[in-house]
Amino acid sequence: MITSQVANKEAYYQANPRAAGCLVRVNNGDFAFLNRDSVIDCNNAELLPKADLLKKFDPAHGF
């Protein structure tokens, strides 16, 4: 899952450095729909229906 709560994710995984390696930093240059620096947490995969996924994106950026 992608989150802009970078500090929270880093603090959560600080106790387990191996798991912290699964946080991938991304920004607007990587994905145009991001409006702030974020991380992809590869340890937190979610299966969402397309309709729910579309609700999580800012419509101004498209998908």
PDB file of N, CA and C in Angstrom:
ATOM      1  N   MET A   1       0.837  -1.174   0.000  1.00  0.00           N
ATOM      2  CA  MET A   1       0.000   0.000   0.000  1.00  0.00           C
ATOM      3  C   MET A   1       0.887   1.245   0.000  1.00  0.00           C
ATOM      4  N   ILE A   2       0.440   2.295  -0.624  1.00  0.00           N
ATOM      5  CA  ILE A   2       1.178   3.556  -0.666  1.00  0.00           C
ATOM      6  C   ILE A   2       0.632   4.473   0.426  1.00  0.00           C
ATOM      7  N   THR A   3       1.537   5.089   1.175  1.00  0.00           N
ATOM      8  CA  THR A   3       1.135   6.037   2.208  1.00  0.00           C
ATOM      9  C   THR A   3       2.084   7.228   2.222  1.00  0.00           C
ATOM     10  N   SER A   4       1.552   8.376   2.573  1.00  0.00           N
ATOM     11  CA  SER A   4       2.387   9.571   2.712  1.00  0.00           C
ATOM     12  C   SER A   4       2.881   9.724   4.150  1.00  0.00           C
ATOM     13  N   GLN A   5       2.508   8.819   5.018  1.00  0.00           N
ATOM     14  CA  GLN A   5       2.943   8.860   6.414  1.00  0.00           C
ATOM     15  C   GLN A   5       4.298   8.159   6.548  1.00  0.00           C
ATOM     16  N   VAL A   6       5.296   8.751   5.895  1.00  0.00           N
ATOM     17  CA  VAL A   6       6.634   8.163   5.808  1.00  0.00           C
ATOM     18  C   VAL A   6       7.242   7.980   7.199  1.00  0.00           C
ATOM     19  N   ALA A   7       7.217   9.006   8.019  1.00  0.00           N
ATOM     20  CA  ALA A   7       7.833   8.929   9.350  1.00  0.00           C
ATOM     21  C   ALA A   7       7.188   7.843  10.206  1.00  0.00           C
ATOM     22  N   ASN A   8       5.870   7.719  10.126  1.00  0.00           N
ATOM     23  CA  ASN A   8       5.179   6.686  10.902  1.00  0.00           C
ATOM     24  C   ASN A   8       5.605   5.291  10.472  1.00  0.00           C
ATOM     25  N   LYS A   9       5.702   5.069   9.172  1.00  0.00           N
ATOM     26  CA  LYS A   9       6.112   3.754   8.677  1.00  0.00           C
ATOM     27  C   LYS A   9       7.549   3.449   9.067  1.00  0.00           C
ATOM     28  N   GLU A  10       8.438   4.440   8.935  1.00  0.00           N
ATOM     29  CA  GLU A  10       9.840   4.223   9.293  1.00  0.00           C
ATOM     30  C   GLU A  10       9.973   3.930  10.786  1.00  0.00           C
ATOM     31  N   ALA A  11       9.228   4.627  11.617  1.00  0.00           N
ATOM     32  CA  ALA A  11       9.275   4.388  13.062  1.00  0.00           C
ATOM     33  C   ALA A  11       8.751   2.992  13.392  1.00  0.00           C
ATOM     34  N   TYR A  12       7.699   2.586  12.720  1.00  0.00           N
ATOM     35  CA  TYR A  12       7.104   1.272  12.964  1.00  0.00           C
ATOM     36  C   TYR A  12       8.091   0.152  12.652  1.00  0.00           C
ATOM     37  N   TYR A  13       8.830   0.305  11.562  1.00  0.00           N
ATOM     38  CA  TYR A  13       9.758  -0.745  11.143  1.00  0.00           C
ATOM     39  C   TYR A  13      11.166  -0.567  11.698  1.00  0.00           C
ATOM     40  N   GLN A  14      11.404   0.451  12.484  1.00  0.00           N
ATOM     41  CA  GLN A  14      12.736   0.690  13.027  1.00  0.00           C
ATOM     42  C   GLN A  14      13.216  -0.494  13.874  1.00  0.00           C
ATOM     43  N   ALA A  15      12.312  -1.158  14.542  1.00  0.00           N
ATOM     44  CA  ALA A  15      12.674  -2.303  15.376  1.00  0.00           C
ATOM     45  C   ALA A  15      13.090  -3.517  14.551  1.00  0.00           C
ATOM     46  N   ASN A  16      12.747  -3.535  13.272  1.00  0.00           N
ATOM     47  CA  ASN A  16      13.084  -4.666  12.412  1.00  0.00           C
ATOM     48  C   ASN A  16      13.688  -4.143  11.113  1.00  0.00           C
ATOM     49  N   PRO A  17      15.001  -3.927  11.082  1.00  0.00           N
ATOM     50  CA  PRO A  17      15.644  -3.346   9.897  1.00  0.00           C
ATOM     51  C   PRO A  17      15.436  -4.154   8.616  1.00  0.00           C
ATOM     52  N   ARG A  18      15.303  -5.472   8.730  1.00  0.00           N
ATOM     53  CA  ARG A  18      15.077  -6.276   7.521  1.00  0.00           C
ATOM     54  C   ARG A  18      13.724  -5.945   6.900  1.00  0.00           C
ATOM     55  N   ALA A  19      12.722  -5.734   7.718  1.00  0.00           N
ATOM     56  CA  ALA A  19      11.401  -5.373   7.210  1.00  0.00           C
ATOM     57  C   ALA A  19      11.404  -3.959   6.649  1.00  0.00           C
ATOM     58  N   ALA A  20      12.202  -3.079   7.245  1.00  0.00           N
ATOM     59  CA  ALA A  20      12.269  -1.692   6.771  1.00  0.00           C
ATOM     60  C   ALA A  20      12.783  -1.623   5.343  1.00  0.00           C
ATOM     61  N   GLY A  21      13.542  -2.619   4.919  1.00  0.00           N
ATOM     62  CA  GLY A  21      14.026  -2.670   3.543  1.00  0.00           C
ATOM     63  C   GLY A  21      12.907  -2.833   2.530  1.00  0.00           C
ATOM     64  N   CYS A  22      11.718  -3.146   3.000  1.00  0.00           N
ATOM     65  CA  CYS A  22      10.565  -3.310   2.114  1.00  0.00           C
ATOM     66  C   CYS A  22       9.777  -2.017   1.942  1.00  0.00           C
ATOM     67  N   LEU A  23      10.279  -0.925   2.510  1.00  0.00           N
ATOM     68  CA  LEU A  23       9.668   0.384   2.287  1.00  0.00           C
ATOM     69  C   LEU A  23      10.354   1.025   1.090  1.00  0.00           C
ATOM     70  N   VAL A  24       9.588   1.340   0.071  1.00  0.00           N
ATOM     71  CA  VAL A  24      10.122   1.922  -1.158  1.00  0.00           C
ATOM     72  C   VAL A  24       9.668   3.373  -1.237  1.00  0.00           C
ATOM     73  N   ARG A  25      10.628   4.292  -1.221  1.00  0.00           N
ATOM     74  CA  ARG A  25      10.291   5.722  -1.305  1.00  0.00           C
ATOM     75  C   ARG A  25       9.884   6.076  -2.738  1.00  0.00           C
ATOM     76  N   VAL A  26       8.790   6.821  -2.865  1.00  0.00           N
ATOM     77  CA  VAL A  26       8.299   7.291  -4.162  1.00  0.00           C
ATOM     78  C   VAL A  26       7.855   8.743  -4.022  1.00  0.00           C
ATOM     79  N   ASN A  27       7.788   9.423  -5.164  1.00  0.00           N
ATOM     80  CA  ASN A  27       7.331  10.815  -5.162  1.00  0.00           C
ATOM     81  C   ASN A  27       6.610  11.098  -6.473  1.00  0.00           C
ATOM     82  N   ASN A  28       6.290  12.364  -6.699  1.00  0.00           N
ATOM     83  CA  ASN A  28       5.549  12.773  -7.892  1.00  0.00           C
ATOM     84  C   ASN A  28       6.294  12.436  -9.176  1.00  0.00           C
ATOM     85  N   GLY A  29       7.613  12.395  -9.127  1.00  0.00           N
ATOM     86  CA  GLY A  29       8.389  12.021 -10.308  1.00  0.00           C
ATOM     87  C   GLY A  29       8.228  10.556 -10.670  1.00  0.00           C
ATOM     88  N   ASP A  30       7.905   9.726  -9.681  1.00  0.00           N
ATOM     89  CA  ASP A  30       7.683   8.301  -9.919  1.00  0.00           C
ATOM     90  C   ASP A  30       6.252   8.021 -10.368  1.00  0.00           C
ATOM     91  N   PHE A  31       5.313   8.658  -9.694  1.00  0.00           N
ATOM     92  CA  PHE A  31       3.890   8.483  -9.992  1.00  0.00           C
ATOM     93  C   PHE A  31       3.231   9.856  -9.998  1.00  0.00           C
ATOM     94  N   ALA A  32       2.693  10.262 -11.117  1.00  0.00           N
ATOM     95  CA  ALA A  32       2.129  11.608 -11.266  1.00  0.00           C
ATOM     96  C   ALA A  32       0.973  11.879 -10.308  1.00  0.00           C
ATOM     97  N   PHE A  33       0.286  10.843  -9.852  1.00  0.00           N
ATOM     98  CA  PHE A  33      -0.868  11.056  -8.978  1.00  0.00           C
ATOM     99  C   PHE A  33      -0.473  11.364  -7.533  1.00  0.00           C
ATOM    100  N   LEU A  34       0.805  11.238  -7.183  1.00  0.00           N
ATOM    101  CA  LEU A  34       1.234  11.558  -5.818  1.00  0.00           C
ATOM    102  C   LEU A  34       1.445  13.061  -5.682  1.00  0.00           C
ATOM    103  N   ASN A  35       0.923  13.636  -4.614  1.00  0.00           N
ATOM    104  CA  ASN A  35       1.131  15.066  -4.392  1.00  0.00           C
ATOM    105  C   ASN A  35       2.077  15.330  -3.223  1.00  0.00           C
ATOM    106  N   ARG A  36       2.673  14.281  -2.656  1.00  0.00           N
ATOM    107  CA  ARG A  36       3.696  14.420  -1.606  1.00  0.00           C
ATOM    108  C   ARG A  36       4.553  13.164  -1.566  1.00  0.00           C
ATOM    109  N   ASP A  37       5.734  13.288  -0.959  1.00  0.00           N
ATOM    110  CA  ASP A  37       6.606  12.130  -0.822  1.00  0.00           C
ATOM    111  C   ASP A  37       5.871  11.036  -0.058  1.00  0.00           C
ATOM    112  N   SER A  38       6.066   9.805  -0.487  1.00  0.00           N
ATOM    113  CA  SER A  38       5.345   8.676   0.085  1.00  0.00           C
ATOM    114  C   SER A  38       6.253   7.458   0.131  1.00  0.00           C
ATOM    115  N   VAL A  39       5.733   6.384   0.700  1.00  0.00           N
ATOM    116  CA  VAL A  39       6.419   5.102   0.658  1.00  0.00           C
ATOM    117  C   VAL A  39       5.422   4.031   0.248  1.00  0.00           C
ATOM    118  N   ILE A  40       5.940   3.038  -0.452  1.00  0.00           N
ATOM    119  CA  ILE A  40       5.170   1.830  -0.726  1.00  0.00           C
ATOM    120  C   ILE A  40       5.618   0.818   0.313  1.00  0.00           C
ATOM    121  N   ASP A  41       4.690   0.298   1.073  1.00  0.00           N
ATOM    122  CA  ASP A  41       4.993  -0.705   2.087  1.00  0.00           C
ATOM    123  C   ASP A  41       4.719  -2.076   1.482  1.00  0.00           C
ATOM    124  N   CYS A  42       5.778  -2.734   1.044  1.00  0.00           N
ATOM    125  CA  CYS A  42       5.642  -4.044   0.399  1.00  0.00           C
ATOM    126  C   CYS A  42       5.216  -5.127   1.386  1.00  0.00           C
ATOM    127  N   ASN A  43       5.273  -4.834   2.673  1.00  0.00           N
ATOM    128  CA  ASN A  43       4.822  -5.781   3.693  1.00  0.00           C
ATOM    129  C   ASN A  43       3.323  -5.666   3.942  1.00  0.00           C
ATOM    130  N   ASN A  44       2.673  -4.707   3.315  1.00  0.00           N
ATOM    131  CA  ASN A  44       1.262  -4.448   3.572  1.00  0.00           C
ATOM    132  C   ASN A  44       0.495  -4.414   2.254  1.00  0.00           C
ATOM    133  N   ALA A  45       0.338  -5.568   1.665  1.00  0.00           N
ATOM    134  CA  ALA A  45      -0.415  -5.655   0.406  1.00  0.00           C
ATOM    135  C   ALA A  45      -1.909  -5.765   0.722  1.00  0.00           C
ATOM    136  N   GLU A  46      -2.723  -5.112  -0.081  1.00  0.00           N
ATOM    137  CA  GLU A  46      -4.172  -5.164   0.097  1.00  0.00           C
ATOM    138  C   GLU A  46      -4.830  -5.494  -1.231  1.00  0.00           C
ATOM    139  N   LEU A  47      -5.831  -6.320  -1.173  1.00  0.00           N
ATOM    140  CA  LEU A  47      -6.622  -6.637  -2.353  1.00  0.00           C
ATOM    141  C   LEU A  47      -7.878  -5.776  -2.295  1.00  0.00           C
ATOM    142  N   LEU A  48      -8.015  -4.883  -3.282  1.00  0.00           N
ATOM    143  CA  LEU A  48      -9.153  -3.966  -3.312  1.00  0.00           C
ATOM    144  C   LEU A  48      -9.889  -4.091  -4.636  1.00  0.00           C
ATOM    145  N   PRO A  49     -11.211  -4.008  -4.613  1.00  0.00           N
ATOM    146  CA  PRO A  49     -11.947  -3.916  -5.868  1.00  0.00           C
ATOM    147  C   PRO A  49     -11.575  -2.610  -6.572  1.00  0.00           C
ATOM    148  N   LYS A  50     -11.665  -2.592  -7.884  1.00  0.00           N
ATOM    149  CA  LYS A  50     -11.287  -1.413  -8.658  1.00  0.00           C
ATOM    150  C   LYS A  50     -12.042  -0.168  -8.189  1.00  0.00           C
ATOM    151  N   ALA A  51     -13.314  -0.303  -7.878  1.00  0.00           N
ATOM    152  CA  ALA A  51     -14.112   0.851  -7.443  1.00  0.00           C
ATOM    153  C   ALA A  51     -13.546   1.452  -6.157  1.00  0.00           C
ATOM    154  N   ASP A  52     -13.112   0.609  -5.225  1.00  0.00           N
ATOM    155  CA  ASP A  52     -12.529   1.109  -3.979  1.00  0.00           C
ATOM    156  C   ASP A  52     -11.163   1.727  -4.224  1.00  0.00           C
ATOM    157  N   LEU A  53     -10.400   1.148  -5.126  1.00  0.00           N
ATOM    158  CA  LEU A  53      -9.078   1.673  -5.441  1.00  0.00           C
ATOM    159  C   LEU A  53      -9.182   3.079  -6.027  1.00  0.00           C
ATOM    160  N   LEU A  54     -10.131   3.283  -6.910  1.00  0.00           N
ATOM    161  CA  LEU A  54     -10.298   4.592  -7.541  1.00  0.00           C
ATOM    162  C   LEU A  54     -10.662   5.674  -6.527  1.00  0.00           C
ATOM    163  N   LYS A  55     -11.320   5.305  -5.436  1.00  0.00           N
ATOM    164  CA  LYS A  55     -11.686   6.273  -4.398  1.00  0.00           C
ATOM    165  C   LYS A  55     -10.464   6.795  -3.650  1.00  0.00           C
ATOM    166  N   LYS A  56      -9.370   6.071  -3.707  1.00  0.00           N
ATOM    167  CA  LYS A  56      -8.166   6.454  -2.966  1.00  0.00           C
ATOM    168  C   LYS A  56      -7.290   7.438  -3.726  1.00  0.00           C
ATOM    169  N   PHE A  57      -7.592   7.704  -4.990  1.00  0.00           N
ATOM    170  CA  PHE A  57      -6.779   8.595  -5.809  1.00  0.00           C
ATOM    171  C   PHE A  57      -7.461   9.937  -5.997  1.00  0.00           C
ATOM    172  N   ASP A  58      -6.669  10.969  -6.094  1.00  0.00           N
ATOM    173  CA  ASP A  58      -7.166  12.317  -6.356  1.00  0.00           C
ATOM    174  C   ASP A  58      -7.588  12.386  -7.821  1.00  0.00           C
ATOM    175  N   PRO A  59      -8.857  12.646  -8.108  1.00  0.00           N
ATOM    176  CA  PRO A  59      -9.325  12.666  -9.495  1.00  0.00           C
ATOM    177  C   PRO A  59      -8.647  13.732 -10.349  1.00  0.00           C
ATOM    178  N   ALA A  60      -8.049  14.723  -9.735  1.00  0.00           N
ATOM    179  CA  ALA A  60      -7.358  15.763 -10.501  1.00  0.00           C
ATOM    180  C   ALA A  60      -6.133  15.216 -11.222  1.00  0.00           C
ATOM    181  N   HIS A  61      -5.611  14.097 -10.746  1.00  0.00           N
ATOM    182  CA  HIS A  61      -4.409  13.521 -11.344  1.00  0.00           C
ATOM    183  C   HIS A  61      -4.708  12.377 -12.298  1.00  0.00           C
ATOM    184  N   GLY A  62      -5.914  11.897 -12.310  1.00  0.00           N
ATOM    185  CA  GLY A  62      -6.265  10.784 -13.183  1.00  0.00           C
ATOM    186  C   GLY A  62      -5.661   9.481 -12.703  1.00  0.00           C
ATOM    187  N   PHE A  63      -5.999   8.430 -13.447  1.00  0.00           N
ATOM    188  CA  PHE A  63      -5.477   7.108 -13.106  1.00  0.00           C
ATOM    189  C   PHE A  63      -5.425   6.270 -14.347  1.00  0.00           C
TER     190      PHE A  63
END
